[in-house]
Amino acid sequence: METAVRTKGPDQKFCKDCGEIISMNAEICPKCGVRQFAPPPAGITLGPTSPAGRSRIAAAVFALLLGGLGIHKFYLGQVGMGILYLIFCWTFIPSIVGFIEGIIYLTMSDEAFVRKYG
């Protein structure tokens, strides 16, 4: 048996279910009928991410809303500091520090964030 090599054009894609070559704009595969995932809308992101996949805006939101529990520290990979925040969360000191850190993350440039937490 000979296997045919399929190549897709620049305006085509493979169906995520059956592998058939379909139009890039197709919402449903004409062969198998499975709905294709749409690409994410342009401009709907939480900002640039670091090479480790961390977002400055997400870290700031975690710090502002859940800073008293140290969730932003866990998100940034600083597990020891996150546990320390959890231990002292009853004093509300981590909440104050987390709020301040959230403001710092919001005012920090993306390059500085990647250098420090990337």
C-alpha atoms as a PDB file:
ATOM      1  CA  MET A   1       0.000   0.000   0.000  1.00  0.00           C
ATOM      2  CA  GLU A   2       1.180   3.448  -0.835  1.00  0.00           C
ATOM      3  CA  THR A   3       0.566   6.325   1.561  1.00  0.00           C
ATOM      4  CA  ALA A   4      -0.250   9.681   0.033  1.00  0.00           C
ATOM      5  CA  VAL A   5       1.393  12.708   1.607  1.00  0.00           C
ATOM      6  CA  ARG A   6      -1.061  15.495   2.272  1.00  0.00           C
ATOM      7  CA  THR A   7       0.123  19.077   2.288  1.00  0.00           C
ATOM      8  CA  LYS A   8      -1.992  21.995   3.304  1.00  0.00           C
ATOM      9  CA  GLY A   9      -1.938  25.439   1.792  1.00  0.00           C
ATOM     10  CA  PRO A  10      -1.393  28.703   3.685  1.00  0.00           C
ATOM     11  CA  ASP A  11      -5.162  29.254   3.981  1.00  0.00           C
ATOM     12  CA  GLN A  12      -5.906  25.712   5.170  1.00  0.00           C
ATOM     13  CA  LYS A  13      -5.651  23.719   8.392  1.00  0.00           C
ATOM     14  CA  PHE A  14      -6.126  20.149   9.551  1.00  0.00           C
ATOM     15  CA  CYS A  15      -9.369  19.131  11.271  1.00  0.00           C
ATOM     16  CA  LYS A  16      -8.662  18.565  14.959  1.00  0.00           C
ATOM     17  CA  ASP A  17     -10.677  15.343  14.949  1.00  0.00           C
ATOM     18  CA  CYS A  18     -10.325  13.531  11.599  1.00  0.00           C
ATOM     19  CA  GLY A  19      -7.225  15.240  10.187  1.00  0.00           C
ATOM     20  CA  GLU A  20      -8.878  16.263   6.918  1.00  0.00           C
ATOM     21  CA  ILE A  21      -7.534  19.414   5.246  1.00  0.00           C
ATOM     22  CA  ILE A  22     -10.143  22.155   5.600  1.00  0.00           C
ATOM     23  CA  SER A  23     -10.361  25.901   5.111  1.00  0.00           C
ATOM     24  CA  MET A  24      -8.678  28.028   7.790  1.00  0.00           C
ATOM     25  CA  ASN A  25     -12.014  29.819   8.367  1.00  0.00           C
ATOM     26  CA  ALA A  26     -14.108  26.629   8.682  1.00  0.00           C
ATOM     27  CA  GLU A  27     -15.995  26.400  11.949  1.00  0.00           C
ATOM     28  CA  ILE A  28     -17.203  22.840  11.284  1.00  0.00           C
ATOM     29  CA  CYS A  29     -15.337  20.108   9.397  1.00  0.00           C
ATOM     30  CA  PRO A  30     -17.329  19.144   6.260  1.00  0.00           C
ATOM     31  CA  LYS A  31     -16.094  15.531   6.486  1.00  0.00           C
ATOM     32  CA  CYS A  32     -16.734  14.622  10.142  1.00  0.00           C
ATOM     33  CA  GLY A  33     -18.942  17.506  11.340  1.00  0.00           C
ATOM     34  CA  VAL A  34     -16.824  18.332  14.413  1.00  0.00           C
ATOM     35  CA  ARG A  35     -16.733  21.981  15.493  1.00  0.00           C
ATOM     36  CA  GLN A  36     -13.244  23.478  15.271  1.00  0.00           C
ATOM     37  CA  PHE A  37     -11.795  25.676  17.986  1.00  0.00           C
ATOM     38  CA  ALA A  38     -11.688  29.327  17.036  1.00  0.00           C
ATOM     39  CA  PRO A  39      -8.381  31.154  17.521  1.00  0.00           C
ATOM     40  CA  PRO A  40      -8.380  33.472  20.550  1.00  0.00           C
ATOM     41  CA  PRO A  41      -9.421  37.034  19.729  1.00  0.00           C
ATOM     42  CA  ALA A  42      -6.514  39.392  19.189  1.00  0.00           C
ATOM     43  CA  GLY A  43      -5.786  41.677  22.108  1.00  0.00           C
ATOM     44  CA  ILE A  44      -7.526  39.548  24.772  1.00  0.00           C
ATOM     45  CA  THR A  45      -4.588  38.594  26.985  1.00  0.00           C
ATOM     46  CA  LEU A  46      -3.302  39.364  30.446  1.00  0.00           C
ATOM     47  CA  GLY A  47      -0.281  41.051  28.954  1.00  0.00           C
ATOM     48  CA  PRO A  48       3.045  39.623  27.976  1.00  0.00           C
ATOM     49  CA  THR A  49       4.217  36.558  29.825  1.00  0.00           C
ATOM     50  CA  SER A  50       7.697  35.720  31.000  1.00  0.00           C
ATOM     51  CA  PRO A  51       9.591  32.737  29.601  1.00  0.00           C
ATOM     52  CA  ALA A  52       8.345  30.805  32.646  1.00  0.00           C
ATOM     53  CA  GLY A  53       4.744  31.624  31.600  1.00  0.00           C
ATOM     54  CA  ARG A  54       4.018  34.117  34.351  1.00  0.00           C
ATOM     55  CA  SER A  55       2.068  37.286  33.682  1.00  0.00           C
ATOM     56  CA  ARG A  56       2.772  40.540  35.514  1.00  0.00           C
ATOM     57  CA  ILE A  57      -0.909  41.510  35.466  1.00  0.00           C
ATOM     58  CA  ALA A  58      -2.044  38.122  36.805  1.00  0.00           C
ATOM     59  CA  ALA A  59       0.531  38.339  39.617  1.00  0.00           C
ATOM     60  CA  ALA A  60      -0.727  41.834  40.469  1.00  0.00           C
ATOM     61  CA  VAL A  61      -4.365  40.697  40.557  1.00  0.00           C
ATOM     62  CA  PHE A  62      -3.465  37.734  42.786  1.00  0.00           C
ATOM     63  CA  ALA A  63      -1.495  40.042  45.100  1.00  0.00           C
ATOM     64  CA  LEU A  64      -4.280  42.626  45.333  1.00  0.00           C
ATOM     65  CA  LEU A  65      -7.137  40.173  45.864  1.00  0.00           C
ATOM     66  CA  LEU A  66      -5.508  37.161  47.564  1.00  0.00           C
ATOM     67  CA  GLY A  67      -2.245  38.636  48.838  1.00  0.00           C
ATOM     68  CA  GLY A  68      -3.057  37.827  52.451  1.00  0.00           C
ATOM     69  CA  LEU A  69      -2.903  34.121  51.621  1.00  0.00           C
ATOM     70  CA  GLY A  70       0.268  34.454  49.546  1.00  0.00           C
ATOM     71  CA  ILE A  71      -1.314  33.151  46.352  1.00  0.00           C
ATOM     72  CA  HIS A  72       0.786  35.545  44.262  1.00  0.00           C
ATOM     73  CA  LYS A  73       3.956  34.095  45.809  1.00  0.00           C
ATOM     74  CA  PHE A  74       2.912  30.559  44.871  1.00  0.00           C
ATOM     75  CA  TYR A  75       2.111  31.828  41.353  1.00  0.00           C
ATOM     76  CA  LEU A  76       5.579  33.368  41.059  1.00  0.00           C
ATOM     77  CA  GLY A  77       7.242  30.150  42.199  1.00  0.00           C
ATOM     78  CA  GLN A  78       8.242  31.404  45.649  1.00  0.00           C
ATOM     79  CA  VAL A  79       6.694  28.556  47.625  1.00  0.00           C
ATOM     80  CA  GLY A  80       8.582  29.279  50.850  1.00  0.00           C
ATOM     81  CA  MET A  81       7.315  32.861  50.931  1.00  0.00           C
ATOM     82  CA  GLY A  82       3.816  31.640  50.083  1.00  0.00           C
ATOM     83  CA  ILE A  83       3.854  29.293  53.069  1.00  0.00           C
ATOM     84  CA  LEU A  84       5.132  32.114  55.269  1.00  0.00           C
ATOM     85  CA  TYR A  85       2.216  34.297  54.123  1.00  0.00           C
ATOM     86  CA  LEU A  86      -0.196  31.453  54.922  1.00  0.00           C
ATOM     87  CA  ILE A  87       1.233  30.964  58.408  1.00  0.00           C
ATOM     88  CA  PHE A  88       0.854  34.640  59.282  1.00  0.00           C
ATOM     89  CA  CYS A  89      -2.374  35.373  57.372  1.00  0.00           C
ATOM     90  CA  TRP A  90      -4.313  35.716  60.657  1.00  0.00           C
ATOM     91  CA  THR A  91      -2.263  38.859  61.508  1.00  0.00           C
ATOM     92  CA  PHE A  92      -3.388  40.679  58.330  1.00  0.00           C
ATOM     93  CA  ILE A  93       0.223  41.801  57.819  1.00  0.00           C
ATOM     94  CA  PRO A  94       0.525  39.647  54.660  1.00  0.00           C
ATOM     95  CA  SER A  95      -2.633  41.322  53.338  1.00  0.00           C
ATOM     96  CA  ILE A  96      -1.053  44.761  53.650  1.00  0.00           C
ATOM     97  CA  VAL A  97       2.252  43.584  52.164  1.00  0.00           C
ATOM     98  CA  GLY A  98       0.418  41.750  49.371  1.00  0.00           C
ATOM     99  CA  PHE A  99      -1.548  44.872  48.488  1.00  0.00           C
ATOM    100  CA  ILE A 100       1.666  46.900  48.295  1.00  0.00           C
ATOM    101  CA  GLU A 101       3.310  44.192  46.177  1.00  0.00           C
ATOM    102  CA  GLY A 102       0.306  44.222  43.837  1.00  0.00           C
ATOM    103  CA  ILE A 103       0.760  47.942  43.269  1.00  0.00           C
ATOM    104  CA  ILE A 104       4.486  47.375  42.685  1.00  0.00           C
ATOM    105  CA  TYR A 105       3.735  44.690  40.082  1.00  0.00           C
ATOM    106  CA  LEU A 106       1.327  47.047  38.300  1.00  0.00           C
ATOM    107  CA  THR A 107       3.882  49.867  38.160  1.00  0.00           C
ATOM    108  CA  MET A 108       6.806  47.594  37.217  1.00  0.00           C
ATOM    109  CA  SER A 109       7.810  47.352  33.552  1.00  0.00           C
ATOM    110  CA  ASP A 110       7.459  44.025  31.761  1.00  0.00           C
ATOM    111  CA  GLU A 111      11.230  43.830  31.305  1.00  0.00           C
ATOM    112  CA  ALA A 112      11.901  44.340  35.023  1.00  0.00           C
ATOM    113  CA  PHE A 113       9.267  41.731  35.893  1.00  0.00           C
ATOM    114  CA  VAL A 114      10.852  39.174  33.562  1.00  0.00           C
ATOM    115  CA  ARG A 115      14.315  39.924  34.991  1.00  0.00           C
ATOM    116  CA  LYS A 116      13.115  39.445  38.565  1.00  0.00           C
ATOM    117  CA  TYR A 117      10.529  36.650  38.220  1.00  0.00           C
ATOM    118  CA  GLY A 118      11.148  35.255  34.721  1.00  0.00           C
END
